[in-house]
Amino acid sequence: MRVRLSQAAVVAILCFLMPSFRTLAVPTPGADYVFNNLNKSRDALLDQRRELQRAYDDTARQIDLLNQKQQRIDSYLKQVDKAIRDVDDALRGR
């Protein structure tokens, strides 16, 4: 079921709600307290993000080093495999 409101009804509803909107906009003594707490929370979250980013970057560096080491070992394995094949070929051809 669809309800259609006339312009007058919408205006009446808005007029009824306006006083409550105004009370939200008026600063209260506790508003500074809340604002300061939100700023402290934001600062703490920014600090936490910096720490996490540092840990992420350190981990990425370690992974890069391990990948380089793995590639080096893989290269050595290929060289040893080729040497084994060469020796096997030499043994068969004696």
C-alpha atoms as a PDB file:
ATOM      1  CA  MET A   1       0.000   0.000   0.000  1.00  0.00           C
ATOM      2  CA  ARG A   2       1.381   3.349  -1.020  1.00  0.00           C
ATOM      3  CA  VAL A   3       0.851   6.471   1.065  1.00  0.00           C
ATOM      4  CA  ARG A   4       0.884   9.867  -0.616  1.00  0.00           C
ATOM      5  CA  LEU A   5       1.452  12.930   1.484  1.00  0.00           C
ATOM      6  CA  SER A   6       0.367  16.358   0.422  1.00  0.00           C
ATOM      7  CA  GLN A   7       2.809  19.226   0.512  1.00  0.00           C
ATOM      8  CA  ALA A   8       0.941  20.638   3.495  1.00  0.00           C
ATOM      9  CA  ALA A   9       1.358  17.375   5.402  1.00  0.00           C
ATOM     10  CA  VAL A  10       5.074  17.278   4.654  1.00  0.00           C
ATOM     11  CA  VAL A  11       5.466  20.896   5.805  1.00  0.00           C
ATOM     12  CA  ALA A  12       3.488  20.148   8.977  1.00  0.00           C
ATOM     13  CA  ILE A  13       5.679  17.138   9.763  1.00  0.00           C
ATOM     14  CA  LEU A  14       8.862  19.147   9.173  1.00  0.00           C
ATOM     15  CA  CYS A  15       7.591  21.973  11.393  1.00  0.00           C
ATOM     16  CA  PHE A  16       6.834  19.436  14.087  1.00  0.00           C
ATOM     17  CA  LEU A  17      10.345  17.960  13.859  1.00  0.00           C
ATOM     18  CA  MET A  18      12.273  21.251  13.577  1.00  0.00           C
ATOM     19  CA  PRO A  19      12.544  21.917  17.338  1.00  0.00           C
ATOM     20  CA  SER A  20      14.218  18.555  17.875  1.00  0.00           C
ATOM     21  CA  PHE A  21      16.677  19.253  15.039  1.00  0.00           C
ATOM     22  CA  ARG A  22      17.588  22.579  16.583  1.00  0.00           C
ATOM     23  CA  THR A  23      18.420  20.967  19.915  1.00  0.00           C
ATOM     24  CA  LEU A  24      20.880  18.693  18.110  1.00  0.00           C
ATOM     25  CA  ALA A  25      22.718  21.662  16.639  1.00  0.00           C
ATOM     26  CA  VAL A  26      23.073  23.591  19.916  1.00  0.00           C
ATOM     27  CA  PRO A  27      26.406  22.878  21.578  1.00  0.00           C
ATOM     28  CA  THR A  28      26.100  21.449  25.036  1.00  0.00           C
ATOM     29  CA  PRO A  29      28.734  21.332  27.775  1.00  0.00           C
ATOM     30  CA  GLY A  30      29.223  17.641  27.044  1.00  0.00           C
ATOM     31  CA  ALA A  31      29.750  18.305  23.336  1.00  0.00           C
ATOM     32  CA  ASP A  32      33.358  19.424  23.916  1.00  0.00           C
ATOM     33  CA  TYR A  33      33.983  16.299  25.967  1.00  0.00           C
ATOM     34  CA  VAL A  34      32.597  14.088  23.198  1.00  0.00           C
ATOM     35  CA  PHE A  35      34.519  16.027  20.545  1.00  0.00           C
ATOM     36  CA  ASN A  36      37.785  15.667  22.469  1.00  0.00           C
ATOM     37  CA  ASN A  37      37.190  11.954  23.019  1.00  0.00           C
ATOM     38  CA  LEU A  38      36.497  11.478  19.319  1.00  0.00           C
ATOM     39  CA  ASN A  39      39.716  13.310  18.472  1.00  0.00           C
ATOM     40  CA  LYS A  40      41.665  11.122  20.906  1.00  0.00           C
ATOM     41  CA  SER A  41      40.070   8.018  19.422  1.00  0.00           C
ATOM     42  CA  ARG A  42      40.981   9.169  15.925  1.00  0.00           C
ATOM     43  CA  ASP A  43      44.578   9.863  16.977  1.00  0.00           C
ATOM     44  CA  ALA A  44      44.820   6.423  18.587  1.00  0.00           C
ATOM     45  CA  LEU A  45      43.441   4.801  15.443  1.00  0.00           C
ATOM     46  CA  LEU A  46      45.936   6.703  13.289  1.00  0.00           C
ATOM     47  CA  ASP A  47      48.768   5.517  15.553  1.00  0.00           C
ATOM     48  CA  GLN A  48      47.483   1.954  15.313  1.00  0.00           C
ATOM     49  CA  ARG A  49      47.266   2.244  11.525  1.00  0.00           C
ATOM     50  CA  ARG A  50      50.876   3.487  11.345  1.00  0.00           C
ATOM     51  CA  GLU A  51      52.015   0.520  13.467  1.00  0.00           C
ATOM     52  CA  LEU A  52      50.084  -1.919  11.296  1.00  0.00           C
ATOM     53  CA  GLN A  53      51.467  -0.347   8.118  1.00  0.00           C
ATOM     54  CA  ARG A  54      54.995  -0.643   9.508  1.00  0.00           C
ATOM     55  CA  ALA A  55      54.404  -4.325  10.377  1.00  0.00           C
ATOM     56  CA  TYR A  56      52.943  -4.889   6.903  1.00  0.00           C
ATOM     57  CA  ASP A  57      55.941  -3.255   5.217  1.00  0.00           C
ATOM     58  CA  ASP A  58      58.385  -5.279   7.353  1.00  0.00           C
ATOM     59  CA  THR A  59      56.563  -8.488   6.467  1.00  0.00           C
ATOM     60  CA  ALA A  60      56.556  -7.574   2.770  1.00  0.00           C
ATOM     61  CA  ARG A  61      60.329  -6.977   2.940  1.00  0.00           C
ATOM     62  CA  GLN A  62      60.850 -10.352   4.627  1.00  0.00           C
ATOM     63  CA  ILE A  63      58.710 -12.060   1.992  1.00  0.00           C
ATOM     64  CA  ASP A  64      60.741 -10.388  -0.774  1.00  0.00           C
ATOM     65  CA  LEU A  65      63.978 -11.600   0.807  1.00  0.00           C
ATOM     66  CA  LEU A  66      62.577 -15.121   1.150  1.00  0.00           C
ATOM     67  CA  ASN A  67      61.390 -15.059  -2.475  1.00  0.00           C
ATOM     68  CA  GLN A  68      64.885 -14.044  -3.598  1.00  0.00           C
ATOM     69  CA  LYS A  69      66.388 -16.847  -1.506  1.00  0.00           C
ATOM     70  CA  GLN A  70      63.873 -19.324  -2.923  1.00  0.00           C
ATOM     71  CA  GLN A  71      64.709 -18.265  -6.491  1.00  0.00           C
ATOM     72  CA  ARG A  72      68.427 -18.671  -5.782  1.00  0.00           C
ATOM     73  CA  ILE A  73      67.875 -22.169  -4.317  1.00  0.00           C
ATOM     74  CA  ASP A  74      65.633 -23.057  -7.269  1.00  0.00           C
ATOM     75  CA  SER A  75      68.424 -22.029  -9.613  1.00  0.00           C
ATOM     76  CA  TYR A  76      70.898 -24.203  -7.688  1.00  0.00           C
ATOM     77  CA  LEU A  77      68.486 -27.148  -7.833  1.00  0.00           C
ATOM     78  CA  LYS A  78      68.191 -26.778 -11.609  1.00  0.00           C
ATOM     79  CA  GLN A  79      71.979 -26.690 -11.936  1.00  0.00           C
ATOM     80  CA  VAL A  80      72.335 -29.819  -9.783  1.00  0.00           C
ATOM     81  CA  ASP A  81      69.573 -31.602 -11.735  1.00  0.00           C
ATOM     82  CA  LYS A  82      71.359 -30.785 -14.994  1.00  0.00           C
ATOM     83  CA  ALA A  83      74.662 -32.024 -13.563  1.00  0.00           C
ATOM     84  CA  ILE A  84      72.983 -35.293 -12.455  1.00  0.00           C
ATOM     85  CA  ARG A  85      71.530 -35.753 -15.961  1.00  0.00           C
ATOM     86  CA  ASP A  86      74.944 -35.098 -17.495  1.00  0.00           C
ATOM     87  CA  VAL A  87      76.549 -37.682 -15.184  1.00  0.00           C
ATOM     88  CA  ASP A  88      73.744 -40.197 -15.913  1.00  0.00           C
ATOM     89  CA  ASP A  89      74.226 -39.626 -19.669  1.00  0.00           C
ATOM     90  CA  ALA A  90      77.999 -40.140 -19.289  1.00  0.00           C
ATOM     91  CA  LEU A  91      77.454 -43.364 -17.321  1.00  0.00           C
ATOM     92  CA  ARG A  92      75.123 -44.759 -19.957  1.00  0.00           C
ATOM     93  CA  GLY A  93      77.549 -43.915 -22.717  1.00  0.00           C
ATOM     94  CA  ARG A  94      80.630 -45.461 -21.160  1.00  0.00           C
END
